[in-house]
C-alpha atoms as a PDB file:
ATOM      1  CA  MET A   1      -3.586   8.282   7.546  1.00  0.00           C
ATOM      2  CA  ILE A   2      -2.405   4.482   7.114  1.00  0.00           C
ATOM      3  CA  PRO A   3      -4.807   2.562   4.938  1.00  0.00           C
ATOM      4  CA  ALA A   4      -4.551  -0.899   6.330  1.00  0.00           C
ATOM      5  CA  GLY A   5      -7.391  -3.013   4.798  1.00  0.00           C
ATOM      6  CA  GLY A   6      -5.765  -5.136   1.913  1.00  0.00           C
ATOM      7  CA  ALA A   7      -4.900  -8.812   1.972  1.00  0.00           C
ATOM      8  CA  GLY A   8      -1.863  -9.112  -0.349  1.00  0.00           C
ATOM      9  CA  SER A   9      -3.161 -12.146  -2.299  1.00  0.00           C
ATOM     10  CA  ARG A  10       0.408 -12.522  -4.092  1.00  0.00           C
ATOM     11  CA  LEU A  11       1.727 -13.534  -0.554  1.00  0.00           C
ATOM     12  CA  TRP A  12      -0.792 -16.552  -0.186  1.00  0.00           C
ATOM     13  CA  PRO A  13      -0.531 -18.983   1.763  1.00  0.00           C
ATOM     14  CA  ARG A  14       0.861 -16.538   4.734  1.00  0.00           C
ATOM     15  CA  SER A  15      -1.162 -13.542   3.895  1.00  0.00           C
ATOM     16  CA  ARG A  16      -4.936 -14.377   4.307  1.00  0.00           C
ATOM     17  CA  ARG A  17      -8.095 -12.575   5.602  1.00  0.00           C
ATOM     18  CA  ALA A  18      -7.304 -13.674   8.938  1.00  0.00           C
ATOM     19  CA  SER A  19      -3.522 -12.662   8.534  1.00  0.00           C
ATOM     20  CA  PRO A  20      -3.231 -10.030   5.738  1.00  0.00           C
ATOM     21  CA  LYS A  21       0.102  -8.784   4.545  1.00  0.00           C
ATOM     22  CA  HIS A  22       0.252  -5.620   6.814  1.00  0.00           C
ATOM     23  CA  VAL A  23       0.363  -7.713  10.163  1.00  0.00           C
ATOM     24  CA  LEU A  24       3.054  -9.886   8.898  1.00  0.00           C
ATOM     25  CA  PRO A  25       6.638  -9.414   9.746  1.00  0.00           C
ATOM     26  CA  LEU A  26       8.164  -9.558   6.160  1.00  0.00           C
ATOM     27  CA  SER A  27      10.961  -6.902   6.152  1.00  0.00           C
ATOM     28  CA  GLY A  28      13.447  -8.961   8.384  1.00  0.00           C
ATOM     29  CA  SER A  29      12.877  -6.521  11.416  1.00  0.00           C
ATOM     30  CA  GLY A  30      10.636  -9.033  13.431  1.00  0.00           C
ATOM     31  CA  GLN A  31       7.856  -6.388  13.481  1.00  0.00           C
ATOM     32  CA  PRO A  32       4.617  -6.395  11.412  1.00  0.00           C
ATOM     33  CA  LEU A  33       4.682  -4.059   8.712  1.00  0.00           C
ATOM     34  CA  LEU A  34       1.815  -1.921   9.948  1.00  0.00           C
ATOM     35  CA  ARG A  35       3.588  -1.475  13.191  1.00  0.00           C
ATOM     36  CA  GLU A  36       6.947  -0.231  11.207  1.00  0.00           C
ATOM     37  CA  THR A  37       4.841   2.233   9.223  1.00  0.00           C
ATOM     38  CA  TYR A  38       3.339   3.615  12.401  1.00  0.00           C
ATOM     39  CA  GLU A  39       6.495   4.115  13.970  1.00  0.00           C
ATOM     40  CA  ARG A  40       7.991   5.831  10.868  1.00  0.00           C
ATOM     41  CA  ILE A  41       5.202   8.160  10.460  1.00  0.00           C
ATOM     42  CA  ALA A  42       4.305   8.982  13.989  1.00  0.00           C
ATOM     43  CA  PRO A  43       7.251  11.336  14.581  1.00  0.00           C
ATOM     44  CA  LEU A  44       6.187  13.482  11.525  1.00  0.00           C
ATOM     45  CA  ALA A  45       2.455  13.801  12.360  1.00  0.00           C
ATOM     46  CA  GLY A  46       0.349  15.492  14.771  1.00  0.00           C
ATOM     47  CA  GLU A  47      -2.081  12.321  14.746  1.00  0.00           C
ATOM     48  CA  VAL A  48      -2.084   9.258  13.306  1.00  0.00           C
ATOM     49  CA  HIS A  49      -5.081   7.308  12.369  1.00  0.00           C
ATOM     50  CA  VAL A  50      -5.495   3.882  10.761  1.00  0.00           C
ATOM     51  CA  LEU A  51      -8.040   3.146   8.326  1.00  0.00           C
ATOM     52  CA  THR A  52      -9.173  -0.205   7.901  1.00  0.00           C
ATOM     53  CA  GLU A  53     -12.302  -2.749   7.320  1.00  0.00           C
ATOM     54  CA  LEU A  54     -14.423  -3.735  10.059  1.00  0.00           C
ATOM     55  CA  ARG A  55     -12.967  -7.353  10.289  1.00  0.00           C
ATOM     56  CA  GLN A  56      -9.708  -6.129  10.769  1.00  0.00           C
ATOM     57  CA  VAL A  57     -10.163  -3.856  13.593  1.00  0.00           C
ATOM     58  CA  PRO A  58      -9.169  -6.492  16.309  1.00  0.00           C
ATOM     59  CA  LEU A  59      -5.937  -7.271  14.369  1.00  0.00           C
ATOM     60  CA  ILE A  60      -5.071  -3.512  14.346  1.00  0.00           C
ATOM     61  CA  ARG A  61      -5.657  -3.124  18.051  1.00  0.00           C
ATOM     62  CA  GLU A  62      -3.482  -6.154  18.810  1.00  0.00           C
ATOM     63  CA  ILE A  63      -0.658  -4.562  16.613  1.00  0.00           C
ATOM     64  CA  LEU A  64      -1.301  -0.845  17.811  1.00  0.00           C
ATOM     65  CA  PRO A  65      -2.588  -1.443  21.586  1.00  0.00           C
ATOM     66  CA  ASP A  66      -2.050   2.255  22.372  1.00  0.00           C
ATOM     67  CA  LEU A  67      -3.744   3.739  19.387  1.00  0.00           C
ATOM     68  CA  PRO A  68      -6.727   5.491  20.925  1.00  0.00           C
ATOM     69  CA  GLU A  69     -10.134   4.031  19.687  1.00  0.00           C
ATOM     70  CA  ASP A  70     -11.134   7.066  17.964  1.00  0.00           C
ATOM     71  CA  ARG A  71      -8.027   6.976  15.742  1.00  0.00           C
ATOM     72  CA  ILE A  72      -9.365   3.916  13.958  1.00  0.00           C
ATOM     73  CA  ILE A  73     -11.521   4.833  11.026  1.00  0.00           C
ATOM     74  CA  VAL A  74     -13.617   1.703  10.108  1.00  0.00           C
ATOM     75  CA  GLU A  75     -14.801   0.684   6.724  1.00  0.00           C
ATOM     76  CA  PRO A  76     -17.925  -1.561   6.874  1.00  0.00           C
ATOM     77  CA  VAL A  77     -16.335  -3.669   4.043  1.00  0.00           C
ATOM     78  CA  ALA A  78     -13.311  -3.066   1.754  1.00  0.00           C
ATOM     79  CA  ARG A  79     -14.625  -0.989  -1.117  1.00  0.00           C
ATOM     80  CA  GLY A  80     -11.605   0.572  -2.899  1.00  0.00           C
ATOM     81  CA  THR A  81      -9.241   3.313  -2.111  1.00  0.00           C
ATOM     82  CA  THR A  82     -11.637   6.133  -3.424  1.00  0.00           C
ATOM     83  CA  ASN A  83     -14.251   5.337  -0.820  1.00  0.00           C
ATOM     84  CA  ALA A  84     -11.554   4.626   2.127  1.00  0.00           C
ATOM     85  CA  LEU A  85      -9.866   7.836   1.725  1.00  0.00           C
ATOM     86  CA  GLY A  86     -13.104   9.675   0.913  1.00  0.00           C
ATOM     87  CA  LEU A  87     -14.609   8.053   4.130  1.00  0.00           C
ATOM     88  CA  ALA A  88     -11.482   9.043   6.093  1.00  0.00           C
ATOM     89  CA  ALA A  89     -11.374  12.670   4.507  1.00  0.00           C
ATOM     90  CA  LEU A  90     -15.161  13.323   5.718  1.00  0.00           C
ATOM     91  CA  THR A  91     -14.416  11.910   9.218  1.00  0.00           C
ATOM     92  CA  LEU A  92     -11.298  14.256   9.537  1.00  0.00           C
ATOM     93  CA  ARG A  93     -13.210  17.155   8.394  1.00  0.00           C
ATOM     94  CA  GLU A  94     -15.779  16.854  10.940  1.00  0.00           C
ATOM     95  CA  ARG A  95     -13.000  17.058  13.570  1.00  0.00           C
ATOM     96  CA  ALA A  96     -10.734  19.610  11.943  1.00  0.00           C
ATOM     97  CA  PRO A  97     -11.906  21.126   8.622  1.00  0.00           C
ATOM     98  CA  GLN A  98      -8.476  22.298   7.748  1.00  0.00           C
ATOM     99  CA  ALA A  99      -6.677  19.300   8.515  1.00  0.00           C
ATOM    100  CA  LEU A 100      -3.879  18.011   6.349  1.00  0.00           C
ATOM    101  CA  MET A 101      -3.895  14.548   5.645  1.00  0.00           C
ATOM    102  CA  VAL A 102      -0.764  12.245   4.494  1.00  0.00           C
ATOM    103  CA  SER A 103      -1.709   8.810   3.280  1.00  0.00           C
ATOM    104  CA  VAL A 104       1.014   6.234   3.597  1.00  0.00           C
ATOM    105  CA  ALA A 105       0.200   2.461   2.870  1.00  0.00           C
ATOM    106  CA  ALA A 106       0.824   0.113   5.674  1.00  0.00           C
ATOM    107  CA  ASP A 107       2.383  -2.987   3.934  1.00  0.00           C
ATOM    108  CA  HIS A 108       5.419  -1.375   2.337  1.00  0.00           C
ATOM    109  CA  VAL A 109       8.915  -1.434   3.178  1.00  0.00           C
ATOM    110  CA  VAL A 110      10.876   1.727   3.386  1.00  0.00           C
ATOM    111  CA  ARG A 111      14.633   1.977   4.221  1.00  0.00           C
ATOM    112  CA  GLY A 112      16.344   5.522   4.623  1.00  0.00           C
ATOM    113  CA  ARG A 113      14.255   7.340   7.333  1.00  0.00           C
ATOM    114  CA  ALA A 114      16.090  10.478   6.900  1.00  0.00           C
ATOM    115  CA  ALA A 115      15.021  10.703   3.272  1.00  0.00           C
ATOM    116  CA  TYR A 116      11.542   9.533   3.912  1.00  0.00           C
ATOM    117  CA  ALA A 117      11.109  12.194   6.683  1.00  0.00           C
ATOM    118  CA  ARG A 118      12.110  14.887   4.061  1.00  0.00           C
ATOM    119  CA  ALA A 119       9.809  13.611   1.596  1.00  0.00           C
ATOM    120  CA  ILE A 120       6.865  13.697   4.082  1.00  0.00           C
ATOM    121  CA  ARG A 121       7.536  17.047   5.012  1.00  0.00           C
ATOM    122  CA  ARG A 122       8.199  18.535   1.705  1.00  0.00           C
ATOM    123  CA  ALA A 123       4.646  16.989   0.414  1.00  0.00           C
ATOM    124  CA  ALA A 124       2.946  18.580   3.401  1.00  0.00           C
ATOM    125  CA  SER A 125       4.460  21.895   2.808  1.00  0.00           C
ATOM    126  CA  ALA A 126       3.453  21.839  -1.045  1.00  0.00           C
ATOM    127  CA  ALA A 127      -0.112  20.689   0.042  1.00  0.00           C
ATOM    128  CA  ALA A 128      -0.583  23.449   2.426  1.00  0.00           C
ATOM    129  CA  ALA A 129       0.930  25.959   0.483  1.00  0.00           C
ATOM    130  CA  SER A 130      -0.522  25.509  -2.852  1.00  0.00           C
ATOM    131  CA  GLY A 131      -4.153  24.228  -1.956  1.00  0.00           C
ATOM    132  CA  ARG A 132      -3.406  21.026  -4.180  1.00  0.00           C
ATOM    133  CA  LEU A 133      -3.189  17.389  -4.253  1.00  0.00           C
ATOM    134  CA  VAL A 134       0.302  16.050  -3.762  1.00  0.00           C
ATOM    135  CA  THR A 135       1.742  12.704  -4.727  1.00  0.00           C
ATOM    136  CA  ILE A 136       5.255  11.491  -3.498  1.00  0.00           C
ATOM    137  CA  GLY A 137       7.032   9.832  -6.537  1.00  0.00           C
ATOM    138  CA  LEU A 138      10.212   7.885  -6.210  1.00  0.00           C
ATOM    139  CA  ARG A 139      13.118   8.245  -8.489  1.00  0.00           C
ATOM    140  CA  PRO A 140      13.388   4.782  -9.901  1.00  0.00           C
ATOM    141  CA  ARG A 141      16.523   2.798  -9.433  1.00  0.00           C
ATOM    142  CA  TYR A 142      16.093   0.223 -12.338  1.00  0.00           C
ATOM    143  CA  ALA A 143      13.835  -0.526 -15.030  1.00  0.00           C
ATOM    144  CA  ALA A 144      11.019  -1.857 -12.924  1.00  0.00           C
ATOM    145  CA  THR A 145       8.002  -3.538 -14.941  1.00  0.00           C
ATOM    146  CA  GLY A 146       5.946  -4.216 -11.753  1.00  0.00           C
ATOM    147  CA  PHE A 147       5.243  -0.703 -10.786  1.00  0.00           C
ATOM    148  CA  GLY A 148       3.085   2.272 -11.988  1.00  0.00           C
ATOM    149  CA  TYR A 149       4.717   5.386 -13.418  1.00  0.00           C
ATOM    150  CA  ILE A 150       3.884   9.052 -13.030  1.00  0.00           C
ATOM    151  CA  GLN A 151       5.469  11.523 -15.738  1.00  0.00           C
ATOM    152  CA  ALA A 152       6.392  14.692 -14.141  1.00  0.00           C
ATOM    153  CA  GLY A 153       6.567  17.958 -16.071  1.00  0.00           C
ATOM    154  CA  ALA A 154       7.740  21.501 -15.110  1.00  0.00           C
ATOM    155  CA  GLU A 155       9.161  22.263 -11.888  1.00  0.00           C
ATOM    156  CA  VAL A 156       7.152  24.543  -9.565  1.00  0.00           C
ATOM    157  CA  ARG A 157       7.574  26.285  -6.201  1.00  0.00           C
ATOM    158  CA  ALA A 158       4.819  25.299  -3.763  1.00  0.00           C
ATOM    159  CA  GLY A 159       5.615  27.536  -0.500  1.00  0.00           C
ATOM    160  CA  ARG A 160       9.326  26.536   0.515  1.00  0.00           C
ATOM    161  CA  ALA A 161       8.918  22.933  -1.467  1.00  0.00           C
ATOM    162  CA  ALA A 162      10.078  22.167  -4.630  1.00  0.00           C
ATOM    163  CA  ALA A 163       7.310  20.080  -6.776  1.00  0.00           C
ATOM    164  CA  ARG A 164       6.575  19.091 -10.216  1.00  0.00           C
ATOM    165  CA  GLU A 165       3.398  19.518 -12.208  1.00  0.00           C
ATOM    166  CA  VAL A 166       1.950  15.812 -13.170  1.00  0.00           C
ATOM    167  CA  ARG A 167       1.692  14.923 -16.799  1.00  0.00           C
ATOM    168  CA  ARG A 168       0.198  11.625 -16.780  1.00  0.00           C
ATOM    169  CA  PHE A 169      -0.037   8.446 -15.056  1.00  0.00           C
ATOM    170  CA  VAL A 170       1.299   5.094 -16.795  1.00  0.00           C
ATOM    171  CA  GLU A 171       0.359   1.623 -16.122  1.00  0.00           C
ATOM    172  CA  LYS A 172       3.214  -1.270 -15.513  1.00  0.00           C
ATOM    173  CA  PRO A 173       5.218  -1.018 -18.850  1.00  0.00           C
ATOM    174  CA  ASP A 174       7.006  -3.748 -20.537  1.00  0.00           C
ATOM    175  CA  LEU A 175      10.931  -3.852 -20.067  1.00  0.00           C
ATOM    176  CA  GLU A 176      11.726  -1.598 -23.230  1.00  0.00           C
ATOM    177  CA  ARG A 177       9.552   1.180 -21.956  1.00  0.00           C
ATOM    178  CA  ALA A 178      10.464   0.842 -18.386  1.00  0.00           C
ATOM    179  CA  ARG A 179      14.270   1.478 -19.767  1.00  0.00           C
ATOM    180  CA  ARG A 180      13.127   4.751 -21.671  1.00  0.00           C
ATOM    181  CA  TYR A 181      11.410   5.967 -18.591  1.00  0.00           C
ATOM    182  CA  LEU A 182      14.640   5.425 -16.343  1.00  0.00           C
ATOM    183  CA  GLN A 183      16.657   7.026 -19.017  1.00  0.00           C
ATOM    184  CA  SER A 184      14.348   9.989 -19.389  1.00  0.00           C
ATOM    185  CA  GLY A 185      14.639  11.317 -15.684  1.00  0.00           C
ATOM    186  CA  ASP A 186      11.046  12.571 -16.017  1.00  0.00           C
ATOM    187  CA  PHE A 187       9.107   9.193 -14.764  1.00  0.00           C
ATOM    188  CA  PHE A 188       8.688   8.377 -11.108  1.00  0.00           C
ATOM    189  CA  TRP A 189       7.327   5.218  -9.454  1.00  0.00           C
ATOM    190  CA  ASN A 190       4.032   5.500  -8.193  1.00  0.00           C
ATOM    191  CA  VAL A 191       4.432   4.492  -4.456  1.00  0.00           C
ATOM    192  CA  SER A 192       0.823   5.308  -3.421  1.00  0.00           C
ATOM    193  CA  MET A 193       1.739   8.239  -0.877  1.00  0.00           C
ATOM    194  CA  PHE A 194      -0.213  11.334  -1.003  1.00  0.00           C
ATOM    195  CA  CYS A 195      -1.013  14.299   0.887  1.00  0.00           C
ATOM    196  CA  TRP A 196      -3.763  17.059   0.771  1.00  0.00           C
ATOM    197  CA  ARG A 197      -5.989  19.202   2.802  1.00  0.00           C
ATOM    198  CA  VAL A 198      -9.196  17.199   3.351  1.00  0.00           C
ATOM    199  CA  ASP A 199     -11.340  20.054   1.976  1.00  0.00           C
ATOM    200  CA  VAL A 200      -9.317  20.027  -1.283  1.00  0.00           C
ATOM    201  CA  PHE A 201      -9.439  16.277  -1.778  1.00  0.00           C
ATOM    202  CA  LEU A 202     -13.222  16.579  -1.183  1.00  0.00           C
ATOM    203  CA  GLU A 203     -13.527  19.111  -3.718  1.00  0.00           C
ATOM    204  CA  GLU A 204     -11.846  17.266  -6.285  1.00  0.00           C
ATOM    205  CA  LEU A 205     -13.955  13.965  -5.219  1.00  0.00           C
ATOM    206  CA  ALA A 206     -17.181  16.062  -5.712  1.00  0.00           C
ATOM    207  CA  ALA A 207     -15.934  17.147  -9.308  1.00  0.00           C
ATOM    208  CA  HIS A 208     -14.631  13.665 -10.448  1.00  0.00           C
ATOM    209  CA  GLY A 209     -16.214  11.190  -8.324  1.00  0.00           C
ATOM    210  CA  PRO A 210     -19.673  12.600  -7.394  1.00  0.00           C
ATOM    211  CA  ARG A 211     -21.361   9.412  -6.778  1.00  0.00           C
ATOM    212  CA  HIS A 212     -18.793   8.464  -4.553  1.00  0.00           C
ATOM    213  CA  LEU A 213     -19.099  11.620  -2.588  1.00  0.00           C
ATOM    214  CA  ARG A 214     -22.784  11.297  -2.310  1.00  0.00           C
ATOM    215  CA  GLY A 215     -22.801   7.981  -0.984  1.00  0.00           C
ATOM    216  CA  LEU A 216     -20.005   8.605   1.241  1.00  0.00           C
ATOM    217  CA  GLU A 217     -22.146  11.767   2.974  1.00  0.00           C
ATOM    218  CA  ARG A 218     -25.191   9.272   3.348  1.00  0.00           C
ATOM    219  CA  VAL A 219     -22.699   6.766   5.170  1.00  0.00           C
ATOM    220  CA  MET A 220     -21.632   9.912   7.255  1.00  0.00           C
ATOM    221  CA  ALA A 221     -25.159  10.696   8.278  1.00  0.00           C
ATOM    222  CA  ALA A 222     -26.508   7.288   9.080  1.00  0.00           C
ATOM    223  CA  ARG A 223     -23.157   6.965  11.335  1.00  0.00           C
ATOM    224  CA  ARG A 224     -24.356  10.472  13.054  1.00  0.00           C
ATOM    225  CA  ARG A 225     -27.706   8.885  13.802  1.00  0.00           C
ATOM    226  CA  GLY A 226     -26.080   5.738  15.233  1.00  0.00           C
ATOM    227  CA  ASP A 227     -27.461   3.687  12.336  1.00  0.00           C
ATOM    228  CA  GLU A 228     -24.462   1.543  11.677  1.00  0.00           C
ATOM    229  CA  GLU A 229     -26.463  -0.940   9.472  1.00  0.00           C
ATOM    230  CA  ALA A 230     -27.633   1.789   7.231  1.00  0.00           C
ATOM    231  CA  ALA A 231     -24.130   3.156   6.971  1.00  0.00           C
ATOM    232  CA  ALA A 232     -22.861  -0.427   6.027  1.00  0.00           C
ATOM    233  CA  ARG A 233     -25.818  -0.723   3.267  1.00  0.00           C
ATOM    234  CA  ALA A 234     -24.823   2.569   1.786  1.00  0.00           C
ATOM    235  CA  TYR A 235     -21.163   1.944   1.647  1.00  0.00           C
ATOM    236  CA  GLY A 236     -21.671  -1.526   0.236  1.00  0.00           C
ATOM    237  CA  ARG A 237     -23.572   0.150  -2.746  1.00  0.00           C
ATOM    238  CA  LEU A 238     -20.519   2.425  -3.582  1.00  0.00           C
ATOM    239  CA  PRO A 239     -18.670   1.752  -6.880  1.00  0.00           C
ATOM    240  CA  ASN A 240     -15.394  -0.128  -6.046  1.00  0.00           C
ATOM    241  CA  GLU A 241     -12.606   1.974  -7.690  1.00  0.00           C
ATOM    242  CA  ALA A 242      -8.909   3.095  -7.092  1.00  0.00           C
ATOM    243  CA  VAL A 243      -8.367   6.679  -6.186  1.00  0.00           C
ATOM    244  CA  ASP A 244      -5.794   6.880  -8.798  1.00  0.00           C
ATOM    245  CA  TYR A 245      -8.483   6.455 -11.572  1.00  0.00           C
ATOM    246  CA  THR A 246     -11.165   8.456  -9.960  1.00  0.00           C
ATOM    247  CA  VAL A 247      -9.403  11.631  -8.933  1.00  0.00           C
ATOM    248  CA  LEU A 248      -5.607  11.648  -9.321  1.00  0.00           C
ATOM    249  CA  GLU A 249      -5.592  10.704 -13.133  1.00  0.00           C
ATOM    250  CA  ARG A 250      -8.474  13.591 -13.854  1.00  0.00           C
ATOM    251  CA  THR A 251      -7.790  16.389 -11.441  1.00  0.00           C
ATOM    252  CA  GLY A 252      -5.787  19.132 -12.754  1.00  0.00           C
ATOM    253  CA  ARG A 253      -4.610  20.088  -9.302  1.00  0.00           C
ATOM    254  CA  LEU A 254      -1.923  17.442  -8.834  1.00  0.00           C
ATOM    255  CA  LEU A 255       1.785  18.038  -8.075  1.00  0.00           C
ATOM    256  CA  LEU A 256       4.640  15.527  -7.520  1.00  0.00           C
ATOM    257  CA  VAL A 257       7.388  15.915  -4.838  1.00  0.00           C
ATOM    258  CA  PRO A 258      10.308  13.505  -5.858  1.00  0.00           C
ATOM    259  CA  ALA A 259      11.938  11.321  -3.407  1.00  0.00           C
ATOM    260  CA  GLU A 260      15.042   8.851  -2.958  1.00  0.00           C
ATOM    261  CA  PHE A 261      14.194   6.484  -0.074  1.00  0.00           C
ATOM    262  CA  GLU A 262      14.483   2.881  -0.624  1.00  0.00           C
ATOM    263  CA  TRP A 263      11.069   1.383  -0.925  1.00  0.00           C
ATOM    264  CA  ALA A 264       9.699  -2.154  -1.854  1.00  0.00           C
ATOM    265  CA  ASP A 265       5.917  -2.901  -2.312  1.00  0.00           C
ATOM    266  CA  VAL A 266       6.755  -6.603  -1.583  1.00  0.00           C
ATOM    267  CA  GLY A 267       4.216  -7.532  -3.935  1.00  0.00           C
ATOM    268  CA  SER A 268       5.520 -11.026  -4.492  1.00  0.00           C
ATOM    269  CA  TRP A 269       7.561 -13.956  -2.751  1.00  0.00           C
ATOM    270  CA  SER A 270      10.334 -13.013  -5.303  1.00  0.00           C
ATOM    271  CA  GLU A 271      10.388  -9.510  -4.209  1.00  0.00           C
ATOM    272  CA  LEU A 272      10.634 -10.408  -0.519  1.00  0.00           C
ATOM    273  CA  ALA A 273      13.416 -12.782  -1.368  1.00  0.00           C
ATOM    274  CA  ASP A 274      15.376  -9.696  -2.800  1.00  0.00           C
ATOM    275  CA  LEU A 275      14.952  -7.616   0.369  1.00  0.00           C
ATOM    276  CA  LEU A 276      16.181 -10.230   2.836  1.00  0.00           C
ATOM    277  CA  ARG A 277      19.827 -11.617   3.569  1.00  0.00           C
ATOM    278  CA  GLN A 278      20.904 -14.078   0.931  1.00  0.00           C
ATOM    279  CA  ASP A 279      23.494 -17.112   1.381  1.00  0.00           C
ATOM    280  CA  GLU A 280      26.426 -17.122  -0.883  1.00  0.00           C
ATOM    281  CA  HIS A 281      24.441 -18.924  -3.504  1.00  0.00           C
ATOM    282  CA  GLY A 282      21.624 -16.347  -3.507  1.00  0.00           C
ATOM    283  CA  ASN A 283      19.080 -18.355  -1.482  1.00  0.00           C
ATOM    284  CA  VAL A 284      16.862 -16.905   1.210  1.00  0.00           C
ATOM    285  CA  ILE A 285      16.172 -19.485   4.231  1.00  0.00           C
ATOM    286  CA  GLU A 286      13.636 -19.265   6.860  1.00  0.00           C
ATOM    287  CA  GLY A 287      13.845 -22.642   8.786  1.00  0.00           C
ATOM    288  CA  ASP A 288      16.132 -25.490   8.812  1.00  0.00           C
ATOM    289  CA  PRO A 289      16.602 -26.604   5.275  1.00  0.00           C
ATOM    290  CA  VAL A 290      19.487 -28.820   3.780  1.00  0.00           C
ATOM    291  CA  LEU A 291      20.567 -27.608   0.293  1.00  0.00           C
ATOM    292  CA  ILE A 292      22.543 -29.570  -2.043  1.00  0.00           C
ATOM    293  CA  ASP A 293      23.240 -27.693  -5.402  1.00  0.00           C
ATOM    294  CA  ALA A 294      20.555 -25.214  -5.005  1.00  0.00           C
ATOM    295  CA  GLU A 295      20.657 -21.598  -5.928  1.00  0.00           C
ATOM    296  CA  GLY A 296      18.551 -18.400  -6.072  1.00  0.00           C
ATOM    297  CA  CYS A 297      15.666 -20.110  -3.957  1.00  0.00           C
ATOM    298  CA  PHE A 298      13.250 -18.740  -1.278  1.00  0.00           C
ATOM    299  CA  ILE A 299      12.460 -21.375   1.313  1.00  0.00           C
ATOM    300  CA  SER A 300      10.180 -20.509   4.127  1.00  0.00           C
ATOM    301  CA  VAL A 301       9.582 -23.548   6.106  1.00  0.00           C
ATOM    302  CA  PRO A 302       9.569 -22.766   9.632  1.00  0.00           C
ATOM    303  CA  ASP A 303       8.521 -25.842  11.550  1.00  0.00           C
ATOM    304  CA  LYS A 304      10.272 -28.621   9.395  1.00  0.00           C
ATOM    305  CA  LEU A 305      13.526 -29.676   8.057  1.00  0.00           C
ATOM    306  CA  VAL A 306      13.484 -29.343   4.146  1.00  0.00           C
ATOM    307  CA  ALA A 307      16.090 -31.057   1.880  1.00  0.00           C
ATOM    308  CA  ALA A 308      16.439 -29.422  -1.575  1.00  0.00           C
ATOM    309  CA  ILE A 309      18.621 -30.965  -4.332  1.00  0.00           C
ATOM    310  CA  GLY A 310      19.438 -29.295  -7.658  1.00  0.00           C
ATOM    311  CA  VAL A 311      16.790 -26.725  -7.749  1.00  0.00           C
ATOM    312  CA  ARG A 312      17.230 -23.047  -8.948  1.00  0.00           C
ATOM    313  CA  ASP A 313      15.072 -19.944  -8.474  1.00  0.00           C
ATOM    314  CA  LEU A 314      12.367 -21.738  -6.479  1.00  0.00           C
ATOM    315  CA  VAL A 315       9.817 -20.573  -3.965  1.00  0.00           C
ATOM    316  CA  VAL A 316       8.818 -22.709  -1.358  1.00  0.00           C
ATOM    317  CA  VAL A 317       6.345 -21.544   1.428  1.00  0.00           C
ATOM    318  CA  ASP A 318       4.946 -23.722   4.040  1.00  0.00           C
ATOM    319  CA  THR A 319       2.223 -23.155   6.511  1.00  0.00           C
ATOM    320  CA  PRO A 320      -0.041 -25.755   8.594  1.00  0.00           C
ATOM    321  CA  ASP A 321      -2.677 -26.231   6.149  1.00  0.00           C
ATOM    322  CA  ALA A 322      -1.254 -25.240   2.776  1.00  0.00           C
ATOM    323  CA  LEU A 323       2.166 -25.529   0.798  1.00  0.00           C
ATOM    324  CA  LEU A 324       3.184 -23.371  -2.117  1.00  0.00           C
ATOM    325  CA  VAL A 325       5.823 -24.180  -4.683  1.00  0.00           C
ATOM    326  CA  CYS A 326       6.559 -22.239  -7.713  1.00  0.00           C
ATOM    327  CA  PRO A 327       9.254 -20.988  -9.770  1.00  0.00           C
ATOM    328  CA  LYS A 328      10.375 -17.321  -8.952  1.00  0.00           C
ATOM    329  CA  ASP A 329       9.541 -15.975 -12.174  1.00  0.00           C
ATOM    330  CA  ARG A 330       5.946 -17.093 -11.778  1.00  0.00           C
ATOM    331  CA  ALA A 331       5.622 -15.426  -8.127  1.00  0.00           C
ATOM    332  CA  GLN A 332       3.242 -12.917  -9.329  1.00  0.00           C
ATOM    333  CA  ASP A 333       0.702 -15.599 -10.529  1.00  0.00           C
ATOM    334  CA  VAL A 334       0.264 -16.704  -6.945  1.00  0.00           C
ATOM    335  CA  LYS A 335      -2.603 -14.323  -6.980  1.00  0.00           C
ATOM    336  CA  ARG A 336      -4.461 -16.957  -9.509  1.00  0.00           C
ATOM    337  CA  VAL A 337      -4.358 -19.481  -6.776  1.00  0.00           C
ATOM    338  CA  VAL A 338      -6.396 -17.146  -4.523  1.00  0.00           C
ATOM    339  CA  GLU A 339      -8.866 -16.592  -7.413  1.00  0.00           C
ATOM    340  CA  VAL A 340      -9.264 -20.293  -8.032  1.00  0.00           C
ATOM    341  CA  LEU A 341      -9.883 -21.038  -4.431  1.00  0.00           C
ATOM    342  CA  GLY A 342     -12.580 -18.224  -4.285  1.00  0.00           C
ATOM    343  CA  ARG A 343     -14.206 -19.822  -7.066  1.00  0.00           C
ATOM    344  CA  LEU A 344     -14.114 -23.363  -5.762  1.00  0.00           C
ATOM    345  CA  ARG A 345     -15.484 -21.823  -2.559  1.00  0.00           C
ATOM    346  CA  LYS A 346     -12.686 -23.251  -0.605  1.00  0.00           C
ATOM    347  CA  MET A 347     -12.968 -20.202   1.869  1.00  0.00           C
ATOM    348  CA  GLN A 348     -10.935 -22.022   4.718  1.00  0.00           C
ATOM    349  CA  TYR A 349      -7.577 -21.652   2.708  1.00  0.00           C
ATOM    350  CA  LEU A 350      -8.432 -17.641   2.138  1.00  0.00           C
END
């Protein structure tokens, strides 16, 4: 299951409603992130499904033209990962009640496919053998402050897979705490990769998010009647919450499988700059700039020449109707531009 419904507001002005983050070629391969995700997971799965909102269906079909129509699970509107994954689980349960579902985000960059495949297989084995929910946790490579963490407890065996009990989820820490987490060896990055039998997940959703499940069952009933308008109304009334908060932080049936592949969320232009090839001065250039005494800049101006003189750690991203300029250390604040544009109702820029 590939959830592909977000927009990636921190990558504005490239990432927008009409061109969300997962349809952009951001990793340096030239392929959209969604296509990369599909090709990475397809060899490991019996079936690949994409979970998206209604208005993004044409984009999904364009990027994955060979994906059968019934493999696209459609949310009427984006309404949080609890509802999205609940809708996916209910849809799969109708087709295969004992289905094992692996959820992998559409907009992450992953390198090290062999390690990635091992982690997916271990998570699937653990979920199948234990009848529990499983999350993949990445061993941190540095003291990151931009990611959530999961603290792991005792090691357990789940079939042939080694896993660890989950003690708690931790929000993005400050640098001092992130360093402590790195040194302890018990904390893992939360990379939003999950695995479970659909019946097990729905049991936990019933226990910890019953309002979600009741509403989703009304959505499914309306769809079985062919009443998509009623389904959309019911879906739109559901609470908008992340599955981490609704289920994963509350359940007593969660295991963690450690992994060591290279991963990036690409949550900002500065993070993207760190992934791509840099020149001898630490600059990443897309386009035809002339740089004089410039260091550590990310400049993406595909259609014109840009001259930059005496600048440091700057982000410049140009599109036909918008230009972004900000210091690298303020790249996370790009989402605030999107919020302001929404308040001003300048929807043509969103």
